[in-house]
Amino acid sequence: MTQTYTSETFKVLIIIQSLAEVAETWSYLIQQGKRDDLLYSFHAFRLALRETFKDQHLHNHLIKKLKFLKQTGSVITYTTEFKVLMYQIEYEQDTWADLFMNELKDKVLDSMTSVVTIDWRNYPEIKKLVISLN
């Protein structure tokens, strides 16, 4: 069952209860009034938690995964994996089209060349076309 929390402070305290080790020490400062701003705003708390404990190498890891991502199976699988990575990396969608097409199977790319009425810079259009051709 989904629990709905009505108070920003209550949301923060629920999360604090589940923290351990270094994060628990960090949350103690919040509870002691050293960071009141985080206690009364779940949004601010979540951002501070993410910033404080983020994986410093995550972005580079995601870029590397994108670099090695290729369509080896269905277009749907490739499209899903590509989209997830692009959102995690936080690339603007207007840069997606070239990156997406670079690693499609040759067979898919060949079938796309007969279509001349598409904006080749528009990722959503290209994605629809590729899925329809597969």
N, C-alpha and C. Protein backbone atom coordinates (compact mmCIF):
# COMPACT_ATOMS: atom_id res chain seq x y z
N MET A 1 0.84 -1.18 0.00
CA MET A 1 0.00 0.00 0.00
C MET A 1 0.89 1.24 0.00
N THR A 2 0.53 2.23 -0.79
CA THR A 2 1.30 3.47 -0.88
C THR A 2 0.93 4.39 0.26
N GLN A 3 1.95 4.94 0.91
CA GLN A 3 1.73 5.86 2.03
C GLN A 3 1.86 7.29 1.50
N THR A 4 0.92 8.15 1.86
CA THR A 4 0.98 9.55 1.49
C THR A 4 1.37 10.35 2.73
N TYR A 5 2.40 11.15 2.59
CA TYR A 5 2.88 11.95 3.71
C TYR A 5 2.44 13.39 3.50
N THR A 6 1.85 13.95 4.55
CA THR A 6 1.26 15.28 4.41
C THR A 6 2.20 16.40 4.83
N SER A 7 3.23 16.08 5.55
CA SER A 7 4.13 17.10 6.06
C SER A 7 5.52 16.94 5.44
N GLU A 8 6.11 18.04 5.03
CA GLU A 8 7.47 18.02 4.48
C GLU A 8 8.45 17.45 5.52
N THR A 9 8.32 17.89 6.76
CA THR A 9 9.20 17.42 7.82
C THR A 9 9.05 15.92 8.03
N PHE A 10 7.82 15.43 7.99
CA PHE A 10 7.57 14.00 8.17
C PHE A 10 8.25 13.20 7.06
N LYS A 11 8.19 13.68 5.82
CA LYS A 11 8.86 13.00 4.71
C LYS A 11 10.36 12.90 4.97
N VAL A 12 10.95 14.01 5.41
CA VAL A 12 12.39 14.05 5.68
C VAL A 12 12.73 13.07 6.80
N LEU A 13 11.96 13.08 7.86
CA LEU A 13 12.24 12.20 9.00
C LEU A 13 12.11 10.72 8.65
N ILE A 14 11.17 10.38 7.78
CA ILE A 14 11.03 8.99 7.34
C ILE A 14 12.29 8.55 6.61
N ILE A 15 12.83 9.39 5.74
CA ILE A 15 14.06 9.05 5.02
C ILE A 15 15.23 8.96 5.99
N ILE A 16 15.32 9.91 6.91
CA ILE A 16 16.42 9.93 7.89
C ILE A 16 16.46 8.62 8.69
N GLN A 17 15.31 8.07 9.01
CA GLN A 17 15.26 6.83 9.78
C GLN A 17 15.96 5.68 9.06
N SER A 18 15.99 5.72 7.75
CA SER A 18 16.58 4.60 7.01
C SER A 18 18.05 4.82 6.66
N LEU A 19 18.62 5.95 7.02
CA LEU A 19 20.02 6.23 6.70
C LEU A 19 20.94 5.49 7.66
N ALA A 20 22.13 5.17 7.18
CA ALA A 20 23.11 4.46 8.00
C ALA A 20 24.49 5.06 7.81
N GLU A 21 25.37 4.79 8.75
CA GLU A 21 26.79 5.15 8.71
C GLU A 21 27.00 6.65 8.46
N VAL A 22 27.73 6.99 7.41
CA VAL A 22 28.08 8.40 7.15
C VAL A 22 26.83 9.24 6.93
N ALA A 23 25.88 8.69 6.20
CA ALA A 23 24.63 9.42 5.95
C ALA A 23 23.87 9.68 7.24
N GLU A 24 23.94 8.74 8.16
CA GLU A 24 23.27 8.91 9.45
C GLU A 24 23.91 10.06 10.24
N THR A 25 25.23 10.14 10.19
CA THR A 25 25.93 11.25 10.85
C THR A 25 25.56 12.57 10.22
N TRP A 26 25.50 12.59 8.89
CA TRP A 26 25.10 13.80 8.16
C TRP A 26 23.69 14.22 8.57
N SER A 27 22.77 13.25 8.69
CA SER A 27 21.39 13.58 9.04
C SER A 27 21.27 14.08 10.48
N TYR A 28 22.20 13.65 11.34
CA TYR A 28 22.19 14.12 12.73
C TYR A 28 22.35 15.64 12.78
N LEU A 29 23.18 16.20 11.92
CA LEU A 29 23.37 17.65 11.87
C LEU A 29 22.07 18.36 11.51
N ILE A 30 21.29 17.74 10.65
CA ILE A 30 20.00 18.33 10.27
C ILE A 30 19.06 18.32 11.47
N GLN A 31 18.99 17.19 12.16
CA GLN A 31 18.10 17.05 13.30
C GLN A 31 18.49 17.97 14.45
N GLN A 32 19.77 18.31 14.55
CA GLN A 32 20.24 19.19 15.62
C GLN A 32 20.10 20.67 15.27
N GLY A 33 19.50 20.97 14.13
CA GLY A 33 19.23 22.36 13.77
C GLY A 33 20.34 23.04 13.01
N LYS A 34 21.38 22.30 12.61
CA LYS A 34 22.48 22.92 11.87
C LYS A 34 22.08 23.20 10.42
N ARG A 35 21.09 22.48 9.91
CA ARG A 35 20.59 22.69 8.55
C ARG A 35 19.06 22.65 8.56
N ASP A 36 18.45 23.61 9.27
CA ASP A 36 16.99 23.67 9.38
C ASP A 36 16.30 23.70 8.02
N ASP A 37 16.95 24.36 7.07
CA ASP A 37 16.33 24.48 5.75
C ASP A 37 16.02 23.11 5.14
N LEU A 38 16.82 22.11 5.48
CA LEU A 38 16.61 20.78 4.92
C LEU A 38 15.54 20.01 5.66
N LEU A 39 15.30 20.35 6.90
CA LEU A 39 14.31 19.65 7.69
C LEU A 39 12.88 20.01 7.27
N TYR A 40 12.70 21.21 6.77
CA TYR A 40 11.34 21.68 6.46
C TYR A 40 11.00 21.66 4.98
N SER A 41 11.93 21.20 4.16
CA SER A 41 11.66 21.10 2.72
C SER A 41 12.18 19.77 2.20
N PHE A 42 11.26 18.89 1.85
CA PHE A 42 11.67 17.59 1.33
C PHE A 42 12.47 17.75 0.04
N HIS A 43 12.07 18.67 -0.80
CA HIS A 43 12.78 18.91 -2.07
C HIS A 43 14.23 19.32 -1.79
N ALA A 44 14.43 20.28 -0.89
CA ALA A 44 15.79 20.73 -0.56
C ALA A 44 16.59 19.59 0.08
N PHE A 45 15.95 18.81 0.95
CA PHE A 45 16.61 17.67 1.58
C PHE A 45 17.07 16.65 0.54
N ARG A 46 16.18 16.32 -0.38
CA ARG A 46 16.50 15.34 -1.43
C ARG A 46 17.66 15.82 -2.29
N LEU A 47 17.66 17.09 -2.68
CA LEU A 47 18.76 17.64 -3.47
C LEU A 47 20.08 17.61 -2.70
N ALA A 48 20.04 17.99 -1.43
CA ALA A 48 21.26 17.99 -0.62
C ALA A 48 21.78 16.58 -0.41
N LEU A 49 20.88 15.63 -0.18
CA LEU A 49 21.28 14.24 -0.02
C LEU A 49 21.94 13.71 -1.28
N ARG A 50 21.31 13.99 -2.41
CA ARG A 50 21.86 13.53 -3.69
C ARG A 50 23.22 14.16 -3.96
N GLU A 51 23.34 15.45 -3.71
CA GLU A 51 24.61 16.15 -3.96
C GLU A 51 25.72 15.68 -3.02
N THR A 52 25.38 15.47 -1.77
CA THR A 52 26.37 15.07 -0.77
C THR A 52 26.90 13.66 -1.02
N PHE A 53 26.02 12.75 -1.45
CA PHE A 53 26.42 11.35 -1.55
C PHE A 53 26.40 10.81 -2.98
N LYS A 54 26.45 11.69 -3.95
CA LYS A 54 26.42 11.20 -5.33
C LYS A 54 27.71 10.48 -5.69
N ASP A 55 27.57 9.58 -6.62
CA ASP A 55 28.72 8.84 -7.14
C ASP A 55 29.51 9.79 -8.03
N GLN A 56 30.72 10.11 -7.64
CA GLN A 56 31.54 11.07 -8.39
C GLN A 56 31.90 10.57 -9.78
N HIS A 57 31.80 9.28 -10.00
CA HIS A 57 32.19 8.70 -11.28
C HIS A 57 31.00 8.28 -12.13
N LEU A 58 29.80 8.53 -11.63
CA LEU A 58 28.60 8.07 -12.33
C LEU A 58 28.50 8.65 -13.73
N HIS A 59 28.71 9.94 -13.87
CA HIS A 59 28.57 10.59 -15.18
C HIS A 59 29.53 9.95 -16.19
N ASN A 60 30.79 9.76 -15.80
CA ASN A 60 31.77 9.15 -16.70
C ASN A 60 31.37 7.71 -17.05
N HIS A 61 30.85 6.99 -16.07
CA HIS A 61 30.40 5.62 -16.30
C HIS A 61 29.26 5.60 -17.32
N LEU A 62 28.32 6.54 -17.20
CA LEU A 62 27.19 6.59 -18.12
C LEU A 62 27.65 6.95 -19.54
N ILE A 63 28.60 7.88 -19.64
CA ILE A 63 29.15 8.25 -20.95
C ILE A 63 29.80 7.04 -21.60
N LYS A 64 30.54 6.28 -20.81
CA LYS A 64 31.21 5.08 -21.33
C LYS A 64 30.17 4.06 -21.80
N LYS A 65 29.10 3.88 -21.01
CA LYS A 65 28.04 2.96 -21.42
C LYS A 65 27.41 3.40 -22.74
N LEU A 66 27.20 4.71 -22.88
CA LEU A 66 26.62 5.24 -24.12
C LEU A 66 27.56 4.99 -25.30
N LYS A 67 28.85 5.19 -25.06
CA LYS A 67 29.84 5.01 -26.12
C LYS A 67 29.82 3.57 -26.65
N PHE A 68 29.55 2.60 -25.78
CA PHE A 68 29.57 1.20 -26.19
C PHE A 68 28.18 0.64 -26.51
N LEU A 69 27.15 1.48 -26.38
CA LEU A 69 25.79 1.02 -26.68
C LEU A 69 25.61 0.89 -28.20
N LYS A 70 25.18 -0.28 -28.63
CA LYS A 70 24.93 -0.54 -30.04
C LYS A 70 23.64 -1.34 -30.14
N GLN A 71 22.96 -1.20 -31.27
CA GLN A 71 21.79 -2.01 -31.49
C GLN A 71 22.24 -3.42 -31.84
N THR A 72 22.00 -4.35 -30.96
CA THR A 72 22.34 -5.75 -31.22
C THR A 72 21.09 -6.60 -31.33
N GLY A 73 20.00 -6.10 -30.78
CA GLY A 73 18.73 -6.83 -30.83
C GLY A 73 17.68 -5.97 -31.51
N SER A 74 16.54 -5.89 -30.89
CA SER A 74 15.43 -5.14 -31.48
C SER A 74 15.64 -3.64 -31.34
N VAL A 75 14.97 -2.90 -32.21
CA VAL A 75 15.02 -1.44 -32.15
C VAL A 75 14.41 -0.95 -30.85
N ILE A 76 13.35 -1.60 -30.40
CA ILE A 76 12.68 -1.19 -29.16
C ILE A 76 13.66 -1.28 -27.98
N THR A 77 14.39 -2.37 -27.88
CA THR A 77 15.35 -2.54 -26.79
C THR A 77 16.43 -1.48 -26.87
N TYR A 78 16.98 -1.27 -28.04
CA TYR A 78 18.02 -0.26 -28.23
C TYR A 78 17.49 1.13 -27.89
N THR A 79 16.30 1.45 -28.37
CA THR A 79 15.69 2.77 -28.12
C THR A 79 15.50 3.00 -26.63
N THR A 80 15.02 1.99 -25.93
CA THR A 80 14.80 2.11 -24.49
C THR A 80 16.10 2.34 -23.74
N GLU A 81 17.11 1.53 -24.04
CA GLU A 81 18.42 1.67 -23.39
C GLU A 81 19.03 3.05 -23.70
N PHE A 82 18.92 3.47 -24.93
CA PHE A 82 19.45 4.77 -25.34
C PHE A 82 18.76 5.90 -24.59
N LYS A 83 17.45 5.87 -24.56
CA LYS A 83 16.68 6.94 -23.91
C LYS A 83 16.99 7.04 -22.42
N VAL A 84 17.07 5.90 -21.75
CA VAL A 84 17.40 5.89 -20.32
C VAL A 84 18.76 6.54 -20.08
N LEU A 85 19.75 6.15 -20.87
CA LEU A 85 21.09 6.74 -20.71
C LEU A 85 21.09 8.24 -20.98
N MET A 86 20.39 8.65 -22.01
CA MET A 86 20.38 10.07 -22.37
C MET A 86 19.75 10.92 -21.26
N TYR A 87 18.69 10.41 -20.65
CA TYR A 87 18.07 11.13 -19.53
C TYR A 87 18.99 11.15 -18.31
N GLN A 88 19.68 10.04 -18.05
CA GLN A 88 20.59 10.01 -16.91
C GLN A 88 21.77 10.95 -17.11
N ILE A 89 22.27 11.01 -18.33
CA ILE A 89 23.41 11.87 -18.63
C ILE A 89 22.97 13.33 -18.70
N GLU A 90 21.69 13.54 -18.96
CA GLU A 90 21.07 14.86 -19.06
C GLU A 90 21.52 15.63 -20.29
N TYR A 91 21.67 14.93 -21.39
CA TYR A 91 21.92 15.59 -22.68
C TYR A 91 20.62 16.21 -23.16
N GLU A 92 20.74 17.35 -23.83
CA GLU A 92 19.57 17.99 -24.42
C GLU A 92 19.07 17.11 -25.57
N GLN A 93 17.76 17.05 -25.73
CA GLN A 93 17.19 16.14 -26.72
C GLN A 93 17.58 16.50 -28.16
N ASP A 94 17.94 17.75 -28.41
CA ASP A 94 18.32 18.12 -29.78
C ASP A 94 19.68 17.53 -30.19
N THR A 95 20.40 16.92 -29.26
CA THR A 95 21.68 16.27 -29.58
C THR A 95 21.52 14.75 -29.76
N TRP A 96 20.34 14.23 -29.53
CA TRP A 96 20.13 12.79 -29.50
C TRP A 96 20.16 12.13 -30.88
N ALA A 97 19.68 12.80 -31.91
CA ALA A 97 19.47 12.16 -33.21
C ALA A 97 20.75 11.52 -33.76
N ASP A 98 21.82 12.27 -33.85
CA ASP A 98 23.07 11.72 -34.40
C ASP A 98 23.58 10.57 -33.56
N LEU A 99 23.57 10.75 -32.24
CA LEU A 99 24.06 9.69 -31.35
C LEU A 99 23.22 8.42 -31.50
N PHE A 100 21.92 8.59 -31.65
CA PHE A 100 21.01 7.46 -31.79
C PHE A 100 21.27 6.70 -33.08
N MET A 101 21.41 7.42 -34.19
CA MET A 101 21.56 6.77 -35.49
C MET A 101 22.94 6.13 -35.66
N ASN A 102 23.94 6.66 -34.99
CA ASN A 102 25.31 6.14 -35.15
C ASN A 102 25.44 4.65 -34.87
N GLU A 103 24.63 4.12 -33.97
CA GLU A 103 24.82 2.73 -33.55
C GLU A 103 23.67 1.81 -33.92
N LEU A 104 22.84 2.26 -34.87
CA LEU A 104 21.80 1.36 -35.38
C LEU A 104 22.43 0.30 -36.27
N LYS A 105 21.76 -0.83 -36.40
CA LYS A 105 22.24 -1.87 -37.32
C LYS A 105 22.24 -1.32 -38.74
N ASP A 106 23.19 -1.77 -39.56
CA ASP A 106 23.29 -1.32 -40.95
C ASP A 106 21.98 -1.58 -41.71
N LYS A 107 21.37 -2.71 -41.44
CA LYS A 107 20.11 -3.07 -42.10
C LYS A 107 19.04 -2.00 -41.84
N VAL A 108 18.97 -1.52 -40.61
CA VAL A 108 17.98 -0.49 -40.25
C VAL A 108 18.34 0.82 -40.93
N LEU A 109 19.61 1.19 -40.89
CA LEU A 109 20.06 2.43 -41.54
C LEU A 109 19.79 2.40 -43.04
N ASP A 110 20.03 1.26 -43.68
CA ASP A 110 19.78 1.12 -45.12
C ASP A 110 18.32 1.34 -45.45
N SER A 111 17.44 0.79 -44.64
CA SER A 111 16.00 0.95 -44.91
C SER A 111 15.53 2.38 -44.65
N MET A 112 16.28 3.14 -43.85
CA MET A 112 15.92 4.53 -43.56
C MET A 112 16.28 5.46 -44.73
N THR A 113 17.24 5.08 -45.55
CA THR A 113 17.72 5.98 -46.60
C THR A 113 16.67 6.27 -47.66
N SER A 114 15.67 5.42 -47.79
CA SER A 114 14.62 5.65 -48.78
C SER A 114 13.63 6.73 -48.32
N VAL A 115 13.67 7.11 -47.08
CA VAL A 115 12.76 8.12 -46.55
C VAL A 115 13.42 9.49 -46.67
N VAL A 116 12.81 10.36 -47.45
CA VAL A 116 13.41 11.68 -47.68
C VAL A 116 12.65 12.81 -47.01
N THR A 117 11.49 12.53 -46.43
CA THR A 117 10.66 13.58 -45.86
C THR A 117 10.80 13.69 -44.35
N ILE A 118 11.94 13.36 -43.82
CA ILE A 118 12.13 13.39 -42.37
C ILE A 118 13.21 14.40 -42.01
N ASP A 119 13.04 15.04 -40.89
CA ASP A 119 14.07 15.93 -40.36
C ASP A 119 15.08 15.07 -39.62
N TRP A 120 16.24 14.89 -40.17
CA TRP A 120 17.25 13.97 -39.64
C TRP A 120 17.87 14.45 -38.34
N ARG A 121 17.50 15.64 -37.88
CA ARG A 121 17.98 16.14 -36.59
C ARG A 121 16.95 15.95 -35.49
N ASN A 122 15.79 15.46 -35.84
CA ASN A 122 14.67 15.34 -34.91
C ASN A 122 14.59 13.91 -34.36
N TYR A 123 15.09 13.73 -33.15
CA TYR A 123 15.12 12.39 -32.54
C TYR A 123 13.75 11.71 -32.47
N PRO A 124 12.69 12.39 -32.00
CA PRO A 124 11.40 11.70 -31.92
C PRO A 124 10.92 11.19 -33.29
N GLU A 125 11.13 11.97 -34.36
CA GLU A 125 10.74 11.52 -35.70
C GLU A 125 11.55 10.31 -36.13
N ILE A 126 12.85 10.37 -35.90
CA ILE A 126 13.73 9.27 -36.28
C ILE A 126 13.37 8.00 -35.51
N LYS A 127 13.10 8.16 -34.21
CA LYS A 127 12.73 7.01 -33.38
C LYS A 127 11.47 6.35 -33.92
N LYS A 128 10.45 7.15 -34.25
CA LYS A 128 9.21 6.60 -34.80
C LYS A 128 9.46 5.85 -36.12
N LEU A 129 10.26 6.47 -36.96
CA LEU A 129 10.59 5.85 -38.25
C LEU A 129 11.30 4.51 -38.06
N VAL A 130 12.30 4.50 -37.21
CA VAL A 130 13.08 3.28 -36.99
C VAL A 130 12.20 2.16 -36.43
N ILE A 131 11.34 2.50 -35.51
CA ILE A 131 10.45 1.49 -34.93
C ILE A 131 9.48 0.97 -35.99
N SER A 132 8.98 1.85 -36.82
CA SER A 132 8.04 1.41 -37.86
C SER A 132 8.71 0.54 -38.92
N LEU A 133 10.00 0.74 -39.17
CA LEU A 133 10.73 -0.03 -40.17
C LEU A 133 11.14 -1.40 -39.65
N ASN A 134 11.25 -1.52 -38.36
CA ASN A 134 11.75 -2.77 -37.79
C ASN A 134 10.67 -3.79 -37.77
